[in-house]
């Protein structure tokens, strides 16, 4: 029969036209758990609306376009005048505008704002992770600016606005602004105290002139940037506006855009300051103290972003295997594939559960919760972001050759997956930050142990892991060489504690067996066959 060779069969339809939020049972339950009941109806409505947008074919196409046509640098206009502008595909602006409108920069101004935003950020990452960078930095700039009440009063209403205004013009003429950040330099990397950018005081109170460079400056088309520079009194935090109040462009020379492995829709630049006007944030010599709030908030967003990427990878894998048939039945019903999918689902749910718990600590704001964040954020950032890449790769493999083809969307997830582990302090930095909290802030450890202790007696494997963790913590001699091991164990015990308390029994049982009890292998798909793996996979299936 003519054309019969072109009949397409046994190819699952694309995962589209669904509510990314409503189909994520672990996320919905976390929101219900951490939000005031009076806020739940409104929050579920907002998140479901965002989830339906995120799951639509239109927005999925925008995400693909933003990556297929990455940003381009224009250093000069047609007449040779320096303009230092970055051009983005229209899809980028559409996505960024929807992210701003969804409140992804306004957590600080509404009840339960951090939990609601965290859930939204996790959902939105699944559309396109690149525009999460400016959204994250704009959100995170608020605590840094609050170290200077005058600056906070001026800028916070703009930062927390739900209006996206892409035009480069004075901030006081805009209904909403976005912020970027520039800390690392060629010679220093994570060692920000090695910065060489110089800040010279000007006659105007609080004003300085910056001269130097930044090796990584993300989102260079933002309206303002928080940067570190050496003032007469030491390393200091500064606000660099892109456009000055009189409408002239500040000196912000974009030397080139980075050619990155992933995150290609987002511009990351090398920039030079040459007589650049800046406003001091906080006191001279207190730059790290001023910007640390921004760093902590962006690190939590790294956890959320990785949780979102893992969730999307798992959703795609489970969806594909639910409709793909091989060897006489659906892939999802094959014992070995079910084992792989369940193992991936455990990693995804554990990441989501821990991330939302930390967001809730921000909303609480109490002393104990702040102490918990001090140690749990770097531990979570270390572990969750490390798990993202192997999850994405294994999930792509569940689609077979289809998962290696760009049209599936899986290669973009794979390329994006290592990013959050590298940015905002790579693995070693996070592990050392856990040690720093242990040594300098005993209350942080107390808060963490109190959180873990809430599940005492619920699972013998968790109890044993918590006991082993205490033994590790009791011997800090020569601990730097095993800081990663300590951060990993801390994160795993925290995840186990939360899952035992809040997840269905089959999920908690499987996690404690494989992650804490040693009854699992190094690769995914090595869970004990005695577990209820079908229930774990069904829970992860992206169906409302």
Protein backbone atom coordinates (compact mmCIF):
# COMPACT_ATOMS: atom_id res chain seq x y z
CA UNK A 1 0.00 0.00 0.00
CA UNK A 2 1.42 3.39 -0.99
CA UNK A 3 2.59 5.43 1.99
CA UNK A 4 2.20 2.61 4.50
CA UNK A 5 5.85 2.92 5.52
CA UNK A 6 5.09 6.36 6.91
CA UNK A 7 2.44 5.26 9.35
CA UNK A 8 3.38 6.49 12.81
CA UNK A 9 2.50 4.26 15.75
CA UNK A 10 3.64 3.68 19.32
CA UNK A 11 4.86 7.27 19.64
CA UNK A 12 3.48 9.01 22.75
CA UNK A 13 1.91 12.40 22.23
CA UNK A 14 3.91 15.36 23.64
CA UNK A 15 3.32 16.18 27.29
CA UNK A 16 1.37 19.38 26.81
CA UNK A 17 -1.95 21.00 27.66
CA UNK A 18 -1.77 20.18 31.37
CA UNK A 19 -1.41 22.01 34.69
CA UNK A 20 2.26 21.70 35.67
CA UNK A 21 1.39 22.68 39.24
CA UNK A 22 -1.80 20.67 39.74
CA UNK A 23 -0.20 17.53 38.31
CA UNK A 24 2.65 17.66 40.82
CA UNK A 25 1.24 15.99 43.92
CA UNK A 26 4.32 16.54 46.06
CA UNK A 27 4.33 20.25 45.28
CA UNK A 28 0.60 20.75 45.86
CA UNK A 29 0.83 18.99 49.21
CA UNK A 30 3.85 21.05 50.25
CA UNK A 31 1.96 24.27 49.53
CA UNK A 32 -1.01 23.01 51.53
CA UNK A 33 1.30 22.07 54.39
CA UNK A 34 3.17 25.34 54.66
CA UNK A 35 0.56 27.98 53.84
CA UNK A 36 -2.01 29.50 56.15
CA UNK A 37 -5.34 27.80 55.29
CA UNK A 38 -6.87 31.23 54.71
CA UNK A 39 -4.46 31.74 51.79
CA UNK A 40 -4.81 28.35 50.16
CA UNK A 41 -7.71 28.95 47.77
CA UNK A 42 -6.13 32.07 46.35
CA UNK A 43 -2.68 30.47 46.15
CA UNK A 44 -3.94 27.30 44.46
CA UNK A 45 -5.85 29.41 41.95
CA UNK A 46 -2.81 31.51 41.08
CA UNK A 47 -0.49 28.53 40.90
CA UNK A 48 -2.88 26.48 38.78
CA UNK A 49 -3.25 29.37 36.35
CA UNK A 50 0.53 29.60 36.10
CA UNK A 51 0.74 25.81 35.82
CA UNK A 52 -1.70 25.75 32.90
CA UNK A 53 0.34 28.41 31.14
CA UNK A 54 3.54 26.49 31.81
CA UNK A 55 2.02 23.31 30.41
CA UNK A 56 0.64 24.92 27.27
CA UNK A 57 2.04 24.23 23.82
CA UNK A 58 2.44 27.97 23.23
CA UNK A 59 4.77 28.57 26.16
CA UNK A 60 6.71 25.41 25.49
CA UNK A 61 7.32 26.76 21.99
CA UNK A 62 8.46 30.11 23.42
CA UNK A 63 10.95 28.30 25.63
CA UNK A 64 12.35 26.43 22.64
CA UNK A 65 12.57 29.65 20.60
CA UNK A 66 14.37 31.55 23.36
CA UNK A 67 17.07 28.87 23.29
CA UNK A 68 17.19 28.43 19.52
CA UNK A 69 17.74 32.17 19.08
CA UNK A 70 20.02 33.16 21.98
CA UNK A 71 20.82 36.77 22.94
CA UNK A 72 23.18 38.86 20.78
CA UNK A 73 25.49 41.63 21.91
CA UNK A 74 25.45 45.01 20.15
CA UNK A 75 28.34 47.11 21.41
CA UNK A 76 27.83 50.05 19.01
CA UNK A 77 25.03 51.62 17.02
CA UNK A 78 25.21 52.26 13.27
CA UNK A 79 27.01 55.56 13.84
CA UNK A 80 29.76 54.08 16.00
CA UNK A 81 28.37 55.24 19.33
CA UNK A 82 28.84 52.79 22.20
CA UNK A 83 25.46 51.40 23.34
CA UNK A 84 26.29 48.04 25.01
CA UNK A 85 22.90 46.47 24.49
CA UNK A 86 21.80 42.85 24.34
CA UNK A 87 19.09 41.79 21.94
CA UNK A 88 16.74 38.95 22.89
CA UNK A 89 14.22 36.97 20.88
CA UNK A 90 10.63 38.16 21.48
CA UNK A 91 9.89 34.82 23.16
CA UNK A 92 12.37 35.71 25.93
CA UNK A 93 10.56 38.95 26.70
CA UNK A 94 7.17 37.23 26.67
CA UNK A 95 8.34 34.60 29.15
CA UNK A 96 10.10 37.10 31.39
CA UNK A 97 7.04 39.34 31.40
CA UNK A 98 4.82 36.45 32.45
CA UNK A 99 7.28 35.51 35.20
CA UNK A 100 7.25 39.03 36.62
CA UNK A 101 3.45 39.24 36.36
CA UNK A 102 3.18 35.93 38.24
CA UNK A 103 4.85 37.46 41.30
CA UNK A 104 8.24 35.80 41.00
CA UNK A 105 9.89 38.98 42.28
CA UNK A 106 7.34 39.97 44.91
CA UNK A 107 7.65 37.37 47.67
CA UNK A 108 8.70 39.92 50.29
CA UNK A 109 5.48 41.93 50.10
CA UNK A 110 2.68 39.37 50.57
CA UNK A 111 1.58 36.88 53.24
CA UNK A 112 3.06 33.45 52.65
CA UNK A 113 4.95 35.05 49.83
CA UNK A 114 8.02 32.83 49.91
CA UNK A 115 6.15 29.54 49.77
CA UNK A 116 3.89 30.83 47.01
CA UNK A 117 6.80 32.18 45.04
CA UNK A 118 8.88 29.04 45.60
CA UNK A 119 6.12 26.89 44.14
CA UNK A 120 5.71 29.29 41.22
CA UNK A 121 9.46 29.40 40.60
CA UNK A 122 9.61 25.60 40.58
CA UNK A 123 6.77 25.51 38.05
CA UNK A 124 8.18 28.29 35.88
CA UNK A 125 11.64 26.71 35.69
CA UNK A 126 10.03 23.83 33.81
CA UNK A 127 9.09 26.12 30.92
CA UNK A 128 12.49 27.71 30.44
CA UNK A 129 15.16 27.96 33.11
CA UNK A 130 17.07 30.85 31.54
CA UNK A 131 14.69 33.63 32.54
CA UNK A 132 14.83 32.35 36.11
CA UNK A 133 18.18 34.12 36.49
CA UNK A 134 16.94 37.76 36.33
CA UNK A 135 13.82 36.81 38.25
CA UNK A 136 15.93 35.24 40.98
CA UNK A 137 18.39 38.12 41.29
CA UNK A 138 15.64 40.72 41.34
CA UNK A 139 13.88 38.81 44.12
CA UNK A 140 17.13 38.34 46.03
CA UNK A 141 18.23 41.98 45.81
CA UNK A 142 15.62 43.01 48.39
CA UNK A 143 17.35 41.69 51.55
CA UNK A 144 20.65 43.24 50.42
CA UNK A 145 19.09 46.65 49.88
CA UNK A 146 17.33 46.46 53.24
CA UNK A 147 20.73 46.95 54.87
CA UNK A 148 20.29 50.56 53.67
CA UNK A 149 16.75 51.72 54.58
CA UNK A 150 16.92 54.77 52.32
CA UNK A 151 17.86 52.70 49.28
CA UNK A 152 15.30 50.05 50.15
CA UNK A 153 12.52 52.63 50.35
CA UNK A 154 13.45 53.90 46.89
CA UNK A 155 14.03 50.62 45.07
CA UNK A 156 11.97 47.92 46.77
CA UNK A 157 8.59 48.96 45.30
CA UNK A 158 10.12 48.76 41.83
CA UNK A 159 11.81 45.41 42.46
CA UNK A 160 8.66 43.78 43.82
CA UNK A 161 6.42 45.13 41.07
CA UNK A 162 4.50 42.78 38.80
CA UNK A 163 5.14 45.03 35.78
CA UNK A 164 7.84 44.12 33.26
CA UNK A 165 9.28 47.15 31.50
CA UNK A 166 12.07 46.17 29.11
CA UNK A 167 13.07 49.71 28.08
CA UNK A 168 16.38 51.18 29.22
CA UNK A 169 15.45 54.41 30.99
CA UNK A 170 15.81 55.97 34.44
CA UNK A 171 14.45 53.68 37.14
CA UNK A 172 12.30 56.40 38.68
CA UNK A 173 10.31 56.53 35.42
CA UNK A 174 9.58 52.79 35.42
CA UNK A 175 6.78 50.86 37.12
CA UNK A 176 9.02 47.83 37.56
CA UNK A 177 12.72 47.01 37.36
CA UNK A 178 15.01 44.00 37.22
CA UNK A 179 18.35 43.55 38.95
CA UNK A 180 21.54 41.65 38.18
CA UNK A 181 24.65 40.92 40.18
CA UNK A 182 28.40 41.13 39.58
CA UNK A 183 30.75 39.63 42.16
CA UNK A 184 33.28 37.32 40.53
CA UNK A 185 36.40 38.54 38.76
CA UNK A 186 39.02 36.85 36.60
CA UNK A 187 41.56 36.44 39.34
CA UNK A 188 39.28 35.56 42.24
CA UNK A 189 36.33 33.37 41.26
CA UNK A 190 34.55 32.41 44.47
CA UNK A 191 37.13 34.30 46.51
CA UNK A 192 35.32 37.64 46.30
CA UNK A 193 37.69 39.25 48.78
CA UNK A 194 40.32 39.10 46.03
CA UNK A 195 38.29 41.60 43.98
CA UNK A 196 40.35 44.38 42.42
CA UNK A 197 37.56 46.69 41.20
CA UNK A 198 38.27 50.06 42.84
CA UNK A 199 35.68 52.46 44.26
CA UNK A 200 36.60 56.15 44.61
CA UNK A 201 34.30 58.33 46.77
CA UNK A 202 32.68 61.31 45.04
CA UNK A 203 31.55 64.59 46.56
CA UNK A 204 27.91 63.46 46.56
CA UNK A 205 27.10 61.58 49.76
CA UNK A 206 27.13 57.82 49.23
CA UNK A 207 28.24 58.14 45.59
CA UNK A 208 31.36 56.50 44.16
CA UNK A 209 33.16 55.99 40.88
CA UNK A 210 34.03 52.40 39.99
CA UNK A 211 36.94 51.21 37.86
CA UNK A 212 37.46 47.53 37.15
CA UNK A 213 35.86 44.45 35.65
CA UNK A 214 33.51 41.59 36.40
CA UNK A 215 34.12 38.17 34.89
CA UNK A 216 30.50 37.06 35.30
CA UNK A 217 27.66 39.56 35.25
CA UNK A 218 24.32 37.91 34.70
CA UNK A 219 21.36 39.56 32.99
CA UNK A 220 23.33 42.60 31.70
CA UNK A 221 20.19 44.30 30.39
CA UNK A 222 18.84 44.75 33.93
CA UNK A 223 18.07 48.16 35.39
CA UNK A 224 20.51 47.86 38.27
CA UNK A 225 23.27 45.66 39.61
CA UNK A 226 24.67 44.86 43.00
CA UNK A 227 28.45 44.61 42.79
CA UNK A 228 31.43 44.38 45.13
CA UNK A 229 34.39 46.74 44.91
CA UNK A 230 37.32 47.86 47.05
CA UNK A 231 36.53 51.19 48.73
CA UNK A 232 38.99 53.04 51.01
CA UNK A 233 37.42 51.21 53.96
CA UNK A 234 37.58 47.76 52.37
CA UNK A 235 35.35 45.51 50.27
CA UNK A 236 32.00 47.24 49.88
CA UNK A 237 28.65 46.58 48.19
CA UNK A 238 27.43 49.04 45.55
CA UNK A 239 24.30 49.61 43.48
CA UNK A 240 25.14 50.35 39.85
CA UNK A 241 22.16 51.75 37.87
CA UNK A 242 22.16 51.00 34.15
CA UNK A 243 20.69 54.42 33.34
CA UNK A 244 21.32 57.52 35.46
CA UNK A 245 18.54 59.75 36.75
CA UNK A 246 19.15 62.36 34.04
CA UNK A 247 18.59 59.77 31.31
CA UNK A 248 22.22 59.24 30.31
CA UNK A 249 23.65 55.74 30.14
CA UNK A 250 25.96 54.78 32.97
CA UNK A 251 29.40 53.48 31.93
CA UNK A 252 28.67 49.79 31.63
CA UNK A 253 30.88 48.29 28.95
CA UNK A 254 29.85 44.79 27.87
CA UNK A 255 32.98 43.13 26.52
CA UNK A 256 31.40 39.87 25.42
CA UNK A 257 28.66 37.36 26.20
CA UNK A 258 29.60 33.96 27.53
CA UNK A 259 29.12 30.98 25.23
CA UNK A 260 27.63 28.57 27.78
CA UNK A 261 26.88 24.86 27.82
CA UNK A 262 23.25 25.49 28.80
CA UNK A 263 21.14 28.40 30.03
CA UNK A 264 21.61 29.74 26.53
CA UNK A 265 18.52 31.95 26.46
CA UNK A 266 19.97 34.04 29.30
CA UNK A 267 22.81 36.49 28.73
CA UNK A 268 25.87 36.27 30.97
CA UNK A 269 28.50 38.91 30.29
CA UNK A 270 31.96 40.18 31.03
CA UNK A 271 31.67 43.87 31.87
CA UNK A 272 34.08 46.74 32.47
CA UNK A 273 33.60 49.75 34.74
CA UNK A 274 35.50 52.88 33.77
CA UNK A 275 34.35 55.83 35.85
CA UNK A 276 31.01 54.10 36.48
CA UNK A 277 28.68 55.88 38.91
CA UNK A 278 27.56 53.78 41.87
CA UNK A 279 25.76 54.19 45.17
CA UNK A 280 27.13 52.56 48.31
CA UNK A 281 24.93 49.91 49.97
CA UNK A 282 25.60 49.72 53.70
CA UNK A 283 28.92 50.65 55.27
CA UNK A 284 32.37 50.62 53.72
CA UNK A 285 34.17 47.38 54.37
CA UNK A 286 30.91 45.50 55.00
CA UNK A 287 30.30 44.40 51.42
CA UNK A 288 30.04 40.69 52.08
CA UNK A 289 27.72 41.25 55.04
CA UNK A 290 25.51 43.48 52.87
CA UNK A 291 25.24 41.12 49.93
CA UNK A 292 25.04 37.84 51.88
CA UNK A 293 21.25 38.05 52.06
CA UNK A 294 21.13 38.17 48.27
CA UNK A 295 23.49 35.22 48.01
CA UNK A 296 21.42 33.11 50.42
CA UNK A 297 18.20 33.84 48.52
CA UNK A 298 19.73 32.99 45.15
CA UNK A 299 21.14 29.77 46.59
CA UNK A 300 17.67 28.70 47.64
CA UNK A 301 16.54 29.49 44.11
CA UNK A 302 19.26 27.15 42.84
CA UNK A 303 17.65 24.42 44.95
CA UNK A 304 14.21 25.31 43.61
CA UNK A 305 15.47 25.52 40.04
CA UNK A 306 17.08 22.09 40.25
CA UNK A 307 13.94 20.67 41.85
CA UNK A 308 11.94 22.08 38.94
CA UNK A 309 14.29 20.62 36.34
CA UNK A 310 14.16 17.22 38.03
CA UNK A 311 10.39 17.31 38.21
CA UNK A 312 10.10 18.10 34.51
CA UNK A 313 12.60 15.37 33.60
CA UNK A 314 10.71 12.82 35.68
CA UNK A 315 7.33 13.94 34.34
CA UNK A 316 8.56 13.53 30.76
CA UNK A 317 10.02 10.10 31.50
CA UNK A 318 6.91 8.77 33.28
CA UNK A 319 4.64 10.21 30.59
CA UNK A 320 6.63 8.59 27.80
CA UNK A 321 6.79 5.21 29.51
CA UNK A 322 3.06 5.31 30.28
CA UNK A 323 2.21 5.32 26.57
CA UNK A 324 5.18 3.62 24.92
CA UNK A 325 4.90 -0.14 24.41
CA UNK A 326 7.70 -2.68 24.07
CA UNK A 327 7.96 -6.45 24.42
CA UNK A 328 4.23 -6.91 24.74
CA UNK A 329 3.27 -4.18 27.20
CA UNK A 330 3.67 -0.62 28.41
CA UNK A 331 7.16 0.35 29.50
CA UNK A 332 5.85 1.72 32.79
CA UNK A 333 4.60 -1.77 33.69
CA UNK A 334 7.95 -3.46 33.08
CA UNK A 335 9.57 -4.21 36.47
CA UNK A 336 13.00 -2.85 35.58
CA UNK A 337 11.73 0.36 33.99
CA UNK A 338 9.34 0.83 36.92
CA UNK A 339 12.33 0.58 39.25
CA UNK A 340 14.19 3.29 37.31
CA UNK A 341 11.18 5.62 37.24
CA UNK A 342 10.47 5.13 40.93
CA UNK A 343 14.08 5.89 41.83
CA UNK A 344 13.98 9.10 39.79
CA UNK A 345 10.65 10.05 41.35
CA UNK A 346 12.11 9.67 44.85
CA UNK A 347 14.89 12.12 44.03
CA UNK A 348 12.44 14.62 42.60
CA UNK A 349 10.01 14.49 45.51
CA UNK A 350 12.77 14.70 48.11
CA UNK A 351 14.15 17.82 46.41
CA UNK A 352 10.74 19.49 46.19
CA UNK A 353 9.86 18.70 49.80
CA UNK A 354 13.12 20.10 51.17
CA UNK A 355 13.02 23.21 48.99
CA UNK A 356 9.49 24.17 50.07
CA UNK A 357 10.37 23.56 53.72
CA UNK A 358 13.19 26.09 53.42
CA UNK A 359 10.92 28.59 51.68
CA UNK A 360 8.50 28.25 54.61
CA UNK A 361 11.36 29.10 56.97
CA UNK A 362 11.74 32.42 55.13
CA UNK A 363 8.06 33.15 55.63
CA UNK A 364 8.25 32.30 59.33
CA UNK A 365 11.21 34.61 59.90
CA UNK A 366 11.68 33.51 63.51
CA UNK A 367 15.06 33.11 65.14
CA UNK A 368 15.01 29.31 65.02
CA UNK A 369 13.98 29.26 61.37
CA UNK A 370 16.71 31.76 60.43
CA UNK A 371 19.22 29.53 62.18
CA UNK A 372 17.94 26.52 60.26
CA UNK A 373 18.37 28.35 56.97
CA UNK A 374 21.96 29.20 57.81
CA UNK A 375 23.01 25.56 57.67
CA UNK A 376 20.25 23.89 55.65
CA UNK A 377 20.43 26.19 52.61
CA UNK A 378 24.09 25.45 51.76
CA UNK A 379 23.57 21.74 52.52
CA UNK A 380 20.50 21.62 50.27
CA UNK A 381 22.19 23.70 47.60
CA UNK A 382 25.13 21.31 47.64
CA UNK A 383 23.14 18.08 47.45
CA UNK A 384 19.99 18.85 45.46
CA UNK A 385 21.86 20.64 42.67
CA UNK A 386 24.37 17.77 42.50
CA UNK A 387 21.56 15.26 41.97
CA UNK A 388 19.98 17.21 39.13
CA UNK A 389 22.39 16.19 36.35
CA UNK A 390 22.22 12.40 36.88
CA UNK A 391 18.42 12.60 37.15
CA UNK A 392 18.15 14.53 33.87
CA UNK A 393 20.48 12.14 32.05
CA UNK A 394 18.71 9.01 33.31
CA UNK A 395 15.30 10.48 32.52
CA UNK A 396 16.42 11.22 28.97
CA UNK A 397 17.55 7.61 28.66
CA UNK A 398 14.04 6.47 29.58
CA UNK A 399 12.95 7.93 26.22
CA UNK A 400 15.66 5.95 24.41
CA UNK A 401 16.90 7.56 21.21
CA UNK A 402 13.95 9.97 21.32
CA UNK A 403 15.44 11.53 24.45
CA UNK A 404 18.65 12.36 22.61
CA UNK A 405 16.82 14.39 19.98
CA UNK A 406 16.45 18.14 20.51
CA UNK A 407 12.73 18.14 19.68
CA UNK A 408 12.03 16.09 22.80
CA UNK A 409 13.26 18.91 25.05
CA UNK A 410 15.35 16.47 27.07
CA UNK A 411 18.76 17.64 25.77
CA UNK A 412 17.94 21.16 26.96
CA UNK A 413 17.21 19.77 30.44
CA UNK A 414 20.47 17.82 30.39
CA UNK A 415 22.50 20.90 29.39
CA UNK A 416 20.80 22.99 32.05
CA UNK A 417 21.13 20.41 34.81
CA UNK A 418 24.72 21.14 36.05
CA UNK A 419 24.22 24.89 36.19
CA UNK A 420 22.74 25.39 39.64
CA UNK A 421 25.54 23.36 41.19
CA UNK A 422 28.11 25.73 39.70
CA UNK A 423 26.45 29.14 40.10
CA UNK A 424 26.17 30.99 43.40
CA UNK A 425 29.07 29.02 44.86
CA UNK A 426 30.03 25.59 43.55
CA UNK A 427 30.00 22.37 45.57
CA UNK A 428 33.13 22.96 47.62
CA UNK A 429 31.99 26.46 48.57
CA UNK A 430 28.66 25.10 49.83
CA UNK A 431 30.28 22.29 51.80
CA UNK A 432 32.70 24.73 53.42
CA UNK A 433 29.81 27.05 54.22
CA UNK A 434 28.16 24.18 56.12
CA UNK A 435 31.36 23.82 58.13
CA UNK A 436 31.47 27.54 58.76
CA UNK A 437 27.94 27.44 60.17
CA UNK A 438 28.85 24.48 62.39
CA UNK A 439 31.86 26.26 63.82
CA UNK A 440 30.52 29.77 64.19
CA UNK A 441 26.81 29.35 64.78
CA UNK A 442 25.92 26.54 67.21
CA UNK A 443 22.28 27.59 67.05
CA UNK A 444 22.21 26.63 63.38
CA UNK A 445 23.11 23.04 64.20
CA UNK A 446 20.63 23.01 67.09
CA UNK A 447 17.85 24.16 64.76
CA UNK A 448 18.77 21.53 62.18
CA UNK A 449 18.86 18.72 64.76
CA UNK A 450 15.53 19.89 66.16
CA UNK A 451 14.01 19.66 62.68
CA UNK A 452 15.41 16.17 62.18
CA UNK A 453 14.32 15.15 65.67
CA UNK A 454 10.67 15.73 64.83
CA UNK A 455 10.68 12.39 63.01
CA UNK A 456 12.50 10.40 65.69
CA UNK A 457 11.15 6.87 66.03
CA UNK A 458 9.23 6.93 62.76
CA UNK A 459 11.76 4.84 60.78
CA UNK A 460 14.67 2.81 62.13
CA UNK A 461 16.84 3.55 59.09
CA UNK A 462 16.34 7.26 59.52
CA UNK A 463 17.10 7.02 63.22
CA UNK A 464 20.33 5.16 62.46
CA UNK A 465 21.34 7.71 59.83
CA UNK A 466 20.66 10.59 62.25
CA UNK A 467 22.78 8.85 64.89
CA UNK A 468 25.64 8.40 62.41
CA UNK A 469 25.34 12.05 61.45
CA UNK A 470 25.73 13.06 65.11
CA UNK A 471 28.85 10.92 65.32
CA UNK A 472 30.27 12.68 62.27
CA UNK A 473 29.45 16.08 63.76
CA UNK A 474 31.15 15.13 67.01
CA UNK A 475 34.51 14.81 65.30
CA UNK A 476 35.45 17.95 63.40
CA UNK A 477 39.18 17.25 63.47
CA UNK A 478 40.48 17.51 59.91
CA UNK A 479 36.92 17.90 58.75
CA UNK A 480 37.57 20.03 55.66
CA UNK A 481 38.60 17.01 53.59
CA UNK A 482 35.26 15.31 54.32
CA UNK A 483 33.07 18.42 54.14
CA UNK A 484 31.22 17.13 51.09
CA UNK A 485 30.42 13.87 52.84
CA UNK A 486 29.05 15.80 55.81
CA UNK A 487 26.93 18.14 53.67
CA UNK A 488 25.52 15.17 51.75
CA UNK A 489 24.56 13.27 54.89
CA UNK A 490 23.01 16.34 56.45
CA UNK A 491 20.85 16.96 53.36
CA UNK A 492 19.82 13.30 53.08
CA UNK A 493 18.79 13.06 56.73
CA UNK A 494 16.82 16.29 56.40
CA UNK A 495 15.05 14.93 53.32
CA UNK A 496 14.36 11.62 55.02
CA UNK A 497 12.96 13.36 58.08
CA UNK A 498 10.55 15.39 55.96
CA UNK A 499 9.43 12.48 53.80
CA UNK A 500 8.80 10.23 56.81
CA UNK A 501 6.57 12.92 58.30
CA UNK A 502 4.74 14.11 55.21
CA UNK A 503 5.05 11.79 52.19
CA UNK A 504 2.96 8.67 51.54
CA UNK A 505 4.39 5.56 53.27
CA UNK A 506 5.55 3.97 50.02
CA UNK A 507 7.66 7.05 49.18
CA UNK A 508 9.17 7.39 52.65
CA UNK A 509 9.87 3.66 52.84
CA UNK A 510 11.65 3.60 49.49
CA UNK A 511 13.69 6.71 50.28
CA UNK A 512 14.84 5.45 53.67
CA UNK A 513 15.71 2.03 52.23
CA UNK A 514 17.75 3.32 49.30
CA UNK A 515 19.16 6.63 50.50
CA UNK A 516 19.63 5.98 54.23
CA UNK A 517 19.54 2.21 54.71
CA UNK A 518 22.09 1.31 52.06
CA UNK A 519 19.66 -0.93 50.15
CA UNK A 520 20.24 0.68 46.77
CA UNK A 521 23.01 0.88 44.20
CA UNK A 522 25.03 3.70 42.69
CA UNK A 523 22.87 3.87 39.55
CA UNK A 524 19.16 4.65 39.36
CA UNK A 525 16.89 1.62 39.09
CA UNK A 526 18.48 -0.37 41.91
CA UNK A 527 15.71 -0.11 44.51
CA UNK A 528 14.70 -3.23 46.47
CA UNK A 529 12.03 -5.14 44.57
CA UNK A 530 10.03 -5.61 47.78
CA UNK A 531 8.95 -1.96 47.77
CA UNK A 532 5.65 -0.64 46.38
CA UNK A 533 7.28 0.91 43.32
CA UNK A 534 4.11 1.06 41.25
CA UNK A 535 2.56 3.47 43.77
CA UNK A 536 5.69 5.65 43.75
CA UNK A 537 5.60 5.92 39.95
CA UNK A 538 1.86 6.55 39.83
CA UNK A 539 2.29 9.43 42.28
CA UNK A 540 4.85 11.01 39.93
CA UNK A 541 2.69 10.66 36.81
CA UNK A 542 1.81 14.13 35.44
CA UNK A 543 -1.97 13.74 35.58
CA UNK A 544 -4.15 16.12 37.58
